[in-house]
Amino acid sequence: MSTTNRFARLRAWRAGAVPRRLLAGVLLLGLILEAGHQISAGVHGPDHPLIDDWLHSGLILASSALCARGARRRTVGPSRAAWWCFAAALLLFGLAEIAWSVSYAGGGDVPTPNATDVLYLATYPLFMAGLVLMVRARVVDVPWHRWLDGFVLVLIVATPGVLLVIEPVLQSAPIDQLGRAVTVAYPLGDVLLLGALVGTLPVMSWRLVGSWPWVAAGLVCLTVADSAYSLTAADVVSHDGPYDFLWSAGALAFAVGSTRLPTGTRESPEITGW
């Protein structure tokens, strides 16, 4: 990108600073309201549909719209495709939350699998594709030993994830094979997604700049909330819990990352030792 074009985009970015700050304040206030209500209510607290269902889903859908806007403002290439993937993933997640609220907010037994599982599980490949495209947008060439470092980090994250999350979920999963497969698919996807996030760090030469820290924060919040829900789903009847605001926080982290100016592609620098 030429210097003139970059400065022009920077001026355009700054021109909308006031509306963006106002919107950011509204979304942050909504997140604080949701988090305060859920933490004070606890696990078995009363459900407040306006906050737990509609405000929660609204924050996620607003984050999806902001990611789509950020994708449109990027040049054609892997960076734009990555943010379209993130926007689509958050859109599906928000629609799944609305579908859950409409179908099962009244309580009672929730079948496994159900229609919302299709929407929830579809977000995992979209988030994974977004990660891969972000790496492609930042690094031209990656030595084979850097890929090996990344694979080792994936194993370091996946091994305790299997013992701490997947195995307990498997013990409380439904008896039928399809129900067990769908139940375990969530923590498995979370472990793989978190492992892939950590595994991309050596591939990118540990350059945590631009939108990358916000994407990392968003994925950590989403996977932690998913894992917490998977571990307590067998004991808690309600879908709403004191950790649900982490889903909203993760979505808003993506929204913030979409406003960061993209960094240019560069060759992978040579790194020796740790």
C-alpha atoms as a PDB file:
ATOM      1  CA  MET A   1       0.000   0.000   0.000  1.00  0.00           C
ATOM      2  CA  SER A   2       1.425   3.429  -0.938  1.00  0.00           C
ATOM      3  CA  THR A   3       2.080   6.051   1.719  1.00  0.00           C
ATOM      4  CA  THR A   4      -0.496   8.429   0.193  1.00  0.00           C
ATOM      5  CA  ASN A   5      -3.252   5.834   0.252  1.00  0.00           C
ATOM      6  CA  ARG A   6      -2.395   4.837   3.799  1.00  0.00           C
ATOM      7  CA  PHE A   7      -2.566   8.429   5.043  1.00  0.00           C
ATOM      8  CA  ALA A   8      -5.866   8.914   3.207  1.00  0.00           C
ATOM      9  CA  ARG A   9      -7.324   5.862   4.891  1.00  0.00           C
ATOM     10  CA  LEU A  10      -5.968   7.018   8.244  1.00  0.00           C
ATOM     11  CA  ARG A  11      -7.697  10.419   7.849  1.00  0.00           C
ATOM     12  CA  ALA A  12     -10.944   8.701   6.893  1.00  0.00           C
ATOM     13  CA  TRP A  13     -10.593   6.412   9.888  1.00  0.00           C
ATOM     14  CA  ARG A  14     -10.125   9.373  12.226  1.00  0.00           C
ATOM     15  CA  ALA A  15     -13.051  11.289  10.697  1.00  0.00           C
ATOM     16  CA  GLY A  16     -15.509   8.844  12.235  1.00  0.00           C
ATOM     17  CA  ALA A  17     -13.797   8.794  15.644  1.00  0.00           C
ATOM     18  CA  VAL A  18     -16.649  10.518  17.513  1.00  0.00           C
ATOM     19  CA  PRO A  19     -19.475   8.251  16.266  1.00  0.00           C
ATOM     20  CA  ARG A  20     -17.291   5.202  16.914  1.00  0.00           C
ATOM     21  CA  ARG A  21     -16.571   6.327  20.462  1.00  0.00           C
ATOM     22  CA  LEU A  22     -20.254   6.921  21.117  1.00  0.00           C
ATOM     23  CA  LEU A  23     -21.123   3.468  19.782  1.00  0.00           C
ATOM     24  CA  ALA A  24     -18.278   1.932  21.791  1.00  0.00           C
ATOM     25  CA  GLY A  25     -19.622   3.585  24.940  1.00  0.00           C
ATOM     26  CA  VAL A  26     -23.125   2.209  24.343  1.00  0.00           C
ATOM     27  CA  LEU A  27     -21.833  -1.322  23.698  1.00  0.00           C
ATOM     28  CA  LEU A  28     -19.523  -1.195  26.722  1.00  0.00           C
ATOM     29  CA  LEU A  29     -22.404  -0.027  28.906  1.00  0.00           C
ATOM     30  CA  GLY A  30     -24.501  -2.936  27.650  1.00  0.00           C
ATOM     31  CA  LEU A  31     -21.701  -5.386  28.459  1.00  0.00           C
ATOM     32  CA  ILE A  32     -21.301  -3.945  31.972  1.00  0.00           C
ATOM     33  CA  LEU A  33     -25.059  -4.215  32.535  1.00  0.00           C
ATOM     34  CA  GLU A  34     -25.137  -7.838  31.396  1.00  0.00           C
ATOM     35  CA  ALA A  35     -22.045  -8.819  33.397  1.00  0.00           C
ATOM     36  CA  GLY A  36     -23.276  -7.089  36.550  1.00  0.00           C
ATOM     37  CA  HIS A  37     -26.676  -8.775  36.370  1.00  0.00           C
ATOM     38  CA  GLN A  38     -25.300 -12.272  35.719  1.00  0.00           C
ATOM     39  CA  ILE A  39     -22.574 -12.121  38.353  1.00  0.00           C
ATOM     40  CA  SER A  40     -24.985 -10.823  41.010  1.00  0.00           C
ATOM     41  CA  ALA A  41     -27.645 -13.409  40.060  1.00  0.00           C
ATOM     42  CA  GLY A  42     -25.263 -16.388  40.152  1.00  0.00           C
ATOM     43  CA  VAL A  43     -25.793 -19.830  38.640  1.00  0.00           C
ATOM     44  CA  HIS A  44     -29.330 -20.392  39.889  1.00  0.00           C
ATOM     45  CA  GLY A  45     -30.446 -16.758  39.783  1.00  0.00           C
ATOM     46  CA  PRO A  46     -33.609 -15.568  38.044  1.00  0.00           C
ATOM     47  CA  ASP A  47     -33.530 -15.133  34.281  1.00  0.00           C
ATOM     48  CA  HIS A  48     -34.078 -11.600  32.992  1.00  0.00           C
ATOM     49  CA  PRO A  49     -35.045 -12.020  29.299  1.00  0.00           C
ATOM     50  CA  LEU A  50     -34.375  -8.393  28.397  1.00  0.00           C
ATOM     51  CA  ILE A  51     -30.767  -8.624  29.626  1.00  0.00           C
ATOM     52  CA  ASP A  52     -29.857 -12.313  29.433  1.00  0.00           C
ATOM     53  CA  ASP A  53     -31.468 -12.951  26.058  1.00  0.00           C
ATOM     54  CA  TRP A  54     -32.055  -9.824  23.989  1.00  0.00           C
ATOM     55  CA  LEU A  55     -29.275  -7.536  25.195  1.00  0.00           C
ATOM     56  CA  HIS A  56     -26.875 -10.472  25.049  1.00  0.00           C
ATOM     57  CA  SER A  57     -27.862 -11.377  21.481  1.00  0.00           C
ATOM     58  CA  GLY A  58     -27.914  -7.725  20.443  1.00  0.00           C
ATOM     59  CA  LEU A  59     -24.303  -7.217  21.530  1.00  0.00           C
ATOM     60  CA  ILE A  60     -23.188 -10.231  19.494  1.00  0.00           C
ATOM     61  CA  LEU A  61     -25.128  -9.179  16.381  1.00  0.00           C
ATOM     62  CA  ALA A  62     -23.805  -5.617  16.673  1.00  0.00           C
ATOM     63  CA  SER A  63     -20.272  -7.023  16.857  1.00  0.00           C
ATOM     64  CA  SER A  64     -20.945  -9.061  13.711  1.00  0.00           C
ATOM     65  CA  ALA A  65     -22.093  -5.919  11.888  1.00  0.00           C
ATOM     66  CA  LEU A  66     -18.953  -4.049  12.985  1.00  0.00           C
ATOM     67  CA  CYS A  67     -16.736  -6.902  11.777  1.00  0.00           C
ATOM     68  CA  ALA A  68     -18.517  -6.836   8.411  1.00  0.00           C
ATOM     69  CA  ARG A  69     -17.951  -3.082   8.226  1.00  0.00           C
ATOM     70  CA  GLY A  70     -14.287  -3.609   9.037  1.00  0.00           C
ATOM     71  CA  ALA A  71     -14.047  -6.240   6.291  1.00  0.00           C
ATOM     72  CA  ARG A  72     -15.516  -3.844   3.724  1.00  0.00           C
ATOM     73  CA  ARG A  73     -12.959  -1.177   4.636  1.00  0.00           C
ATOM     74  CA  ARG A  74     -10.042  -3.502   3.985  1.00  0.00           C
ATOM     75  CA  THR A  75      -8.481  -4.103   0.592  1.00  0.00           C
ATOM     76  CA  VAL A  76      -9.273  -7.302  -1.265  1.00  0.00           C
ATOM     77  CA  GLY A  77      -7.157 -10.151   0.042  1.00  0.00           C
ATOM     78  CA  PRO A  78      -6.779 -12.564   2.968  1.00  0.00           C
ATOM     79  CA  SER A  79      -7.310  -9.817   5.571  1.00  0.00           C
ATOM     80  CA  ARG A  80     -10.717  -8.890   4.186  1.00  0.00           C
ATOM     81  CA  ALA A  81     -11.705 -12.560   3.849  1.00  0.00           C
ATOM     82  CA  ALA A  82     -10.646 -13.189   7.461  1.00  0.00           C
ATOM     83  CA  TRP A  83     -12.956 -10.504   8.803  1.00  0.00           C
ATOM     84  CA  TRP A  84     -15.822 -11.722   6.652  1.00  0.00           C
ATOM     85  CA  CYS A  85     -15.321 -15.128   8.275  1.00  0.00           C
ATOM     86  CA  PHE A  86     -15.379 -13.588  11.750  1.00  0.00           C
ATOM     87  CA  ALA A  87     -18.476 -11.548  10.892  1.00  0.00           C
ATOM     88  CA  ALA A  88     -20.282 -14.638   9.583  1.00  0.00           C
ATOM     89  CA  ALA A  89     -19.297 -16.665  12.661  1.00  0.00           C
ATOM     90  CA  LEU A  90     -20.635 -14.020  15.041  1.00  0.00           C
ATOM     91  CA  LEU A  91     -23.805 -13.661  12.981  1.00  0.00           C
ATOM     92  CA  LEU A  92     -24.488 -17.391  13.218  1.00  0.00           C
ATOM     93  CA  PHE A  93     -23.720 -17.334  16.927  1.00  0.00           C
ATOM     94  CA  GLY A  94     -26.099 -14.429  17.531  1.00  0.00           C
ATOM     95  CA  LEU A  95     -28.872 -16.113  15.544  1.00  0.00           C
ATOM     96  CA  ALA A  96     -28.294 -19.326  17.499  1.00  0.00           C
ATOM     97  CA  GLU A  97     -28.654 -17.424  20.785  1.00  0.00           C
ATOM     98  CA  ILE A  98     -31.936 -15.903  19.587  1.00  0.00           C
ATOM     99  CA  ALA A  99     -33.212 -19.287  18.407  1.00  0.00           C
ATOM    100  CA  TRP A 100     -32.314 -20.805  21.782  1.00  0.00           C
ATOM    101  CA  SER A 101     -34.097 -18.011  23.655  1.00  0.00           C
ATOM    102  CA  VAL A 102     -37.237 -18.380  21.555  1.00  0.00           C
ATOM    103  CA  SER A 103     -37.319 -22.188  21.712  1.00  0.00           C
ATOM    104  CA  TYR A 104     -36.045 -23.098  25.183  1.00  0.00           C
ATOM    105  CA  ALA A 105     -36.195 -20.001  27.399  1.00  0.00           C
ATOM    106  CA  GLY A 106     -39.215 -21.448  29.197  1.00  0.00           C
ATOM    107  CA  GLY A 107     -37.139 -24.261  30.684  1.00  0.00           C
ATOM    108  CA  GLY A 108     -37.719 -27.976  30.451  1.00  0.00           C
ATOM    109  CA  ASP A 109     -35.721 -30.674  28.725  1.00  0.00           C
ATOM    110  CA  VAL A 110     -33.596 -29.559  25.773  1.00  0.00           C
ATOM    111  CA  PRO A 111     -33.046 -32.268  23.146  1.00  0.00           C
ATOM    112  CA  THR A 112     -29.518 -33.107  22.034  1.00  0.00           C
ATOM    113  CA  PRO A 113     -28.991 -32.499  19.210  1.00  0.00           C
ATOM    114  CA  ASN A 114     -31.374 -29.649  18.373  1.00  0.00           C
ATOM    115  CA  ALA A 115     -31.703 -27.042  15.633  1.00  0.00           C
ATOM    116  CA  THR A 116     -29.430 -24.524  17.352  1.00  0.00           C
ATOM    117  CA  ASP A 117     -26.509 -26.968  17.311  1.00  0.00           C
ATOM    118  CA  VAL A 118     -26.196 -26.529  13.549  1.00  0.00           C
ATOM    119  CA  LEU A 119     -25.695 -22.778  13.973  1.00  0.00           C
ATOM    120  CA  TYR A 120     -23.368 -23.051  16.956  1.00  0.00           C
ATOM    121  CA  LEU A 121     -21.112 -25.723  15.443  1.00  0.00           C
ATOM    122  CA  ALA A 122     -20.900 -23.863  12.116  1.00  0.00           C
ATOM    123  CA  THR A 123     -19.004 -21.065  13.864  1.00  0.00           C
ATOM    124  CA  TYR A 124     -15.930 -23.218  14.574  1.00  0.00           C
ATOM    125  CA  PRO A 125     -14.745 -23.698  10.961  1.00  0.00           C
ATOM    126  CA  LEU A 126     -15.423 -20.006  10.283  1.00  0.00           C
ATOM    127  CA  PHE A 127     -13.288 -18.874  13.220  1.00  0.00           C
ATOM    128  CA  MET A 128     -10.571 -21.350  12.184  1.00  0.00           C
ATOM    129  CA  ALA A 129     -10.629 -20.098   8.590  1.00  0.00           C
ATOM    130  CA  GLY A 130     -10.361 -16.526   9.845  1.00  0.00           C
ATOM    131  CA  LEU A 131      -7.237 -17.417  11.840  1.00  0.00           C
ATOM    132  CA  VAL A 132      -5.590 -19.050   8.829  1.00  0.00           C
ATOM    133  CA  LEU A 133      -6.410 -16.069   6.616  1.00  0.00           C
ATOM    134  CA  MET A 134      -5.004 -13.635   9.188  1.00  0.00           C
ATOM    135  CA  VAL A 135      -1.692 -15.519   9.096  1.00  0.00           C
ATOM    136  CA  ARG A 136      -1.673 -15.456   5.286  1.00  0.00           C
ATOM    137  CA  ALA A 137      -2.317 -11.715   5.349  1.00  0.00           C
ATOM    138  CA  ARG A 138       0.701 -11.081   7.573  1.00  0.00           C
ATOM    139  CA  VAL A 139       3.437 -13.541   6.592  1.00  0.00           C
ATOM    140  CA  VAL A 140       4.690 -14.346   3.101  1.00  0.00           C
ATOM    141  CA  ASP A 141       6.958 -17.304   3.799  1.00  0.00           C
ATOM    142  CA  VAL A 142       7.042 -19.540   6.857  1.00  0.00           C
ATOM    143  CA  PRO A 143      10.004 -21.916   7.435  1.00  0.00           C
ATOM    144  CA  TRP A 144       9.098 -25.522   8.129  1.00  0.00           C
ATOM    145  CA  HIS A 145      10.590 -25.428  11.634  1.00  0.00           C
ATOM    146  CA  ARG A 146       8.234 -22.556  12.504  1.00  0.00           C
ATOM    147  CA  TRP A 147       5.285 -24.775  11.562  1.00  0.00           C
ATOM    148  CA  LEU A 148       6.756 -27.476  13.814  1.00  0.00           C
ATOM    149  CA  ASP A 149       6.939 -25.014  16.723  1.00  0.00           C
ATOM    150  CA  GLY A 150       3.295 -24.163  16.153  1.00  0.00           C
ATOM    151  CA  PHE A 151       2.285 -27.825  16.085  1.00  0.00           C
ATOM    152  CA  VAL A 152       4.073 -28.428  19.393  1.00  0.00           C
ATOM    153  CA  LEU A 153       2.182 -25.534  20.979  1.00  0.00           C
ATOM    154  CA  VAL A 154      -1.107 -26.960  19.690  1.00  0.00           C
ATOM    155  CA  LEU A 155      -0.320 -30.255  21.439  1.00  0.00           C
ATOM    156  CA  ILE A 156       0.628 -28.412  24.652  1.00  0.00           C
ATOM    157  CA  VAL A 157      -2.790 -26.740  24.717  1.00  0.00           C
ATOM    158  CA  ALA A 158      -4.799 -29.757  23.499  1.00  0.00           C
ATOM    159  CA  THR A 159      -3.439 -32.300  25.990  1.00  0.00           C
ATOM    160  CA  PRO A 160      -4.703 -30.650  29.211  1.00  0.00           C
ATOM    161  CA  GLY A 161      -7.850 -29.601  27.343  1.00  0.00           C
ATOM    162  CA  VAL A 162      -8.739 -33.241  26.726  1.00  0.00           C
ATOM    163  CA  LEU A 163      -8.224 -34.143  30.394  1.00  0.00           C
ATOM    164  CA  LEU A 164      -9.887 -31.091  31.951  1.00  0.00           C
ATOM    165  CA  VAL A 165     -12.796 -30.465  29.572  1.00  0.00           C
ATOM    166  CA  ILE A 166     -13.463 -33.161  26.974  1.00  0.00           C
ATOM    167  CA  GLU A 167     -13.240 -36.191  29.284  1.00  0.00           C
ATOM    168  CA  PRO A 168     -15.641 -34.788  31.965  1.00  0.00           C
ATOM    169  CA  VAL A 169     -18.100 -33.719  29.254  1.00  0.00           C
ATOM    170  CA  LEU A 170     -17.921 -37.164  27.673  1.00  0.00           C
ATOM    171  CA  GLN A 171     -18.797 -38.803  30.996  1.00  0.00           C
ATOM    172  CA  SER A 172     -22.025 -36.794  31.296  1.00  0.00           C
ATOM    173  CA  ALA A 173     -22.925 -36.893  27.573  1.00  0.00           C
ATOM    174  CA  PRO A 174     -26.161 -38.552  26.343  1.00  0.00           C
ATOM    175  CA  ILE A 175     -26.177 -42.293  25.770  1.00  0.00           C
ATOM    176  CA  ASP A 176     -27.049 -42.208  22.067  1.00  0.00           C
ATOM    177  CA  GLN A 177     -24.119 -41.849  19.680  1.00  0.00           C
ATOM    178  CA  LEU A 178     -25.391 -38.731  17.875  1.00  0.00           C
ATOM    179  CA  GLY A 179     -26.055 -36.926  21.137  1.00  0.00           C
ATOM    180  CA  ARG A 180     -22.603 -37.819  22.452  1.00  0.00           C
ATOM    181  CA  ALA A 181     -20.944 -36.676  19.233  1.00  0.00           C
ATOM    182  CA  VAL A 182     -22.708 -33.290  19.278  1.00  0.00           C
ATOM    183  CA  THR A 183     -22.048 -32.757  23.002  1.00  0.00           C
ATOM    184  CA  VAL A 184     -18.332 -33.516  22.696  1.00  0.00           C
ATOM    185  CA  ALA A 185     -18.006 -31.488  19.474  1.00  0.00           C
ATOM    186  CA  TYR A 186     -18.240 -28.232  21.445  1.00  0.00           C
ATOM    187  CA  PRO A 187     -15.294 -28.707  23.855  1.00  0.00           C
ATOM    188  CA  LEU A 188     -13.317 -30.416  21.095  1.00  0.00           C
ATOM    189  CA  GLY A 189     -13.821 -27.402  18.841  1.00  0.00           C
ATOM    190  CA  ASP A 190     -12.854 -25.051  21.671  1.00  0.00           C
ATOM    191  CA  VAL A 191      -9.641 -26.946  22.414  1.00  0.00           C
ATOM    192  CA  LEU A 192      -8.657 -27.080  18.734  1.00  0.00           C
ATOM    193  CA  LEU A 193      -9.479 -23.410  18.235  1.00  0.00           C
ATOM    194  CA  LEU A 194      -7.492 -22.304  21.266  1.00  0.00           C
ATOM    195  CA  GLY A 195      -4.633 -24.595  20.270  1.00  0.00           C
ATOM    196  CA  ALA A 196      -4.626 -23.159  16.749  1.00  0.00           C
ATOM    197  CA  LEU A 197      -4.561 -19.636  18.170  1.00  0.00           C
ATOM    198  CA  VAL A 198      -1.480 -20.399  20.277  1.00  0.00           C
ATOM    199  CA  GLY A 199       0.078 -22.401  17.437  1.00  0.00           C
ATOM    200  CA  THR A 200      -0.034 -19.429  15.061  1.00  0.00           C
ATOM    201  CA  LEU A 201       2.199 -17.327  17.326  1.00  0.00           C
ATOM    202  CA  PRO A 202       5.550 -18.799  16.216  1.00  0.00           C
ATOM    203  CA  VAL A 203       4.319 -18.861  12.624  1.00  0.00           C
ATOM    204  CA  MET A 204       3.845 -15.084  12.878  1.00  0.00           C
ATOM    205  CA  SER A 205       7.208 -14.671  14.638  1.00  0.00           C
ATOM    206  CA  TRP A 206       5.369 -13.633  17.838  1.00  0.00           C
ATOM    207  CA  ARG A 207       4.307 -10.306  16.304  1.00  0.00           C
ATOM    208  CA  LEU A 208       1.241  -9.402  18.403  1.00  0.00           C
ATOM    209  CA  VAL A 209       0.297  -6.140  16.674  1.00  0.00           C
ATOM    210  CA  GLY A 210      -2.701  -4.624  14.952  1.00  0.00           C
ATOM    211  CA  SER A 211      -5.957  -6.524  15.355  1.00  0.00           C
ATOM    212  CA  TRP A 212      -4.312  -9.780  16.442  1.00  0.00           C
ATOM    213  CA  PRO A 213      -4.421  -9.174  20.246  1.00  0.00           C
ATOM    214  CA  TRP A 214      -8.143  -8.383  20.028  1.00  0.00           C
ATOM    215  CA  VAL A 215      -8.842 -11.509  17.989  1.00  0.00           C
ATOM    216  CA  ALA A 216      -6.894 -13.543  20.543  1.00  0.00           C
ATOM    217  CA  ALA A 217      -8.819 -11.969  23.434  1.00  0.00           C
ATOM    218  CA  GLY A 218     -12.111 -12.632  21.664  1.00  0.00           C
ATOM    219  CA  LEU A 219     -11.349 -16.297  21.022  1.00  0.00           C
ATOM    220  CA  VAL A 220     -10.148 -16.828  24.594  1.00  0.00           C
ATOM    221  CA  CYS A 221     -13.380 -15.341  25.984  1.00  0.00           C
ATOM    222  CA  LEU A 222     -15.540 -17.427  23.638  1.00  0.00           C
ATOM    223  CA  THR A 223     -13.729 -20.702  24.302  1.00  0.00           C
ATOM    224  CA  VAL A 224     -13.656 -20.179  28.085  1.00  0.00           C
ATOM    225  CA  ALA A 225     -17.402 -19.460  28.109  1.00  0.00           C
ATOM    226  CA  ASP A 226     -18.072 -22.515  25.923  1.00  0.00           C
ATOM    227  CA  SER A 227     -15.976 -24.768  28.149  1.00  0.00           C
ATOM    228  CA  ALA A 228     -17.624 -23.470  31.308  1.00  0.00           C
ATOM    229  CA  TYR A 229     -21.066 -24.096  29.868  1.00  0.00           C
ATOM    230  CA  SER A 230     -20.109 -27.576  28.634  1.00  0.00           C
ATOM    231  CA  LEU A 231     -18.871 -28.550  32.093  1.00  0.00           C
ATOM    232  CA  THR A 232     -21.986 -27.268  33.901  1.00  0.00           C
ATOM    233  CA  ALA A 233     -24.659 -28.080  31.314  1.00  0.00           C
ATOM    234  CA  ALA A 234     -25.461 -31.390  32.948  1.00  0.00           C
ATOM    235  CA  ASP A 235     -26.160 -29.727  36.323  1.00  0.00           C
ATOM    236  CA  VAL A 236     -27.723 -26.422  35.254  1.00  0.00           C
ATOM    237  CA  VAL A 237     -31.158 -26.419  33.638  1.00  0.00           C
ATOM    238  CA  SER A 238     -31.044 -22.838  32.389  1.00  0.00           C
ATOM    239  CA  HIS A 239     -28.928 -21.823  29.415  1.00  0.00           C
ATOM    240  CA  ASP A 240     -28.075 -18.560  31.165  1.00  0.00           C
ATOM    241  CA  GLY A 241     -25.257 -18.490  33.689  1.00  0.00           C
ATOM    242  CA  PRO A 242     -22.804 -16.129  35.403  1.00  0.00           C
ATOM    243  CA  TYR A 243     -20.290 -16.619  32.562  1.00  0.00           C
ATOM    244  CA  ASP A 244     -22.561 -15.820  29.600  1.00  0.00           C
ATOM    245  CA  PHE A 245     -21.293 -12.246  29.412  1.00  0.00           C
ATOM    246  CA  LEU A 246     -17.941 -13.709  28.293  1.00  0.00           C
ATOM    247  CA  TRP A 247     -19.584 -14.577  24.962  1.00  0.00           C
ATOM    248  CA  SER A 248     -20.629 -10.948  24.599  1.00  0.00           C
ATOM    249  CA  ALA A 249     -17.176  -9.757  25.688  1.00  0.00           C
ATOM    250  CA  GLY A 250     -15.502 -12.031  23.140  1.00  0.00           C
ATOM    251  CA  ALA A 251     -17.744 -10.762  20.353  1.00  0.00           C
ATOM    252  CA  LEU A 252     -17.025  -7.135  21.298  1.00  0.00           C
ATOM    253  CA  ALA A 253     -13.281  -7.864  21.292  1.00  0.00           C
ATOM    254  CA  PHE A 254     -13.628  -8.919  17.660  1.00  0.00           C
ATOM    255  CA  ALA A 255     -15.531  -5.705  16.963  1.00  0.00           C
ATOM    256  CA  VAL A 256     -12.674  -3.638  18.416  1.00  0.00           C
ATOM    257  CA  GLY A 257     -10.144  -5.634  16.392  1.00  0.00           C
ATOM    258  CA  SER A 258     -12.039  -4.883  13.188  1.00  0.00           C
ATOM    259  CA  THR A 259     -11.372  -1.157  13.709  1.00  0.00           C
ATOM    260  CA  ARG A 260      -7.605  -1.575  13.950  1.00  0.00           C
ATOM    261  CA  LEU A 261      -5.644  -0.511  10.895  1.00  0.00           C
ATOM    262  CA  PRO A 262      -4.377  -3.646   9.112  1.00  0.00           C
ATOM    263  CA  THR A 263      -0.653  -4.333   9.113  1.00  0.00           C
ATOM    264  CA  GLY A 264       1.118  -5.091   5.864  1.00  0.00           C
ATOM    265  CA  THR A 265       2.437  -8.446   4.726  1.00  0.00           C
ATOM    266  CA  ARG A 266       6.123  -9.057   5.426  1.00  0.00           C
ATOM    267  CA  GLU A 267       8.631 -11.868   5.230  1.00  0.00           C
ATOM    268  CA  SER A 268       9.116 -14.034   8.277  1.00  0.00           C
ATOM    269  CA  PRO A 269      12.227 -12.774  10.166  1.00  0.00           C
ATOM    270  CA  GLU A 270      14.889 -15.189  11.273  1.00  0.00           C
ATOM    271  CA  ILE A 271      14.637 -16.060  14.968  1.00  0.00           C
ATOM    272  CA  THR A 272      17.146 -18.170  16.907  1.00  0.00           C
ATOM    273  CA  GLY A 273      16.826 -19.683  20.361  1.00  0.00           C
ATOM    274  CA  TRP A 274      13.717 -19.096  22.495  1.00  0.00           C
END
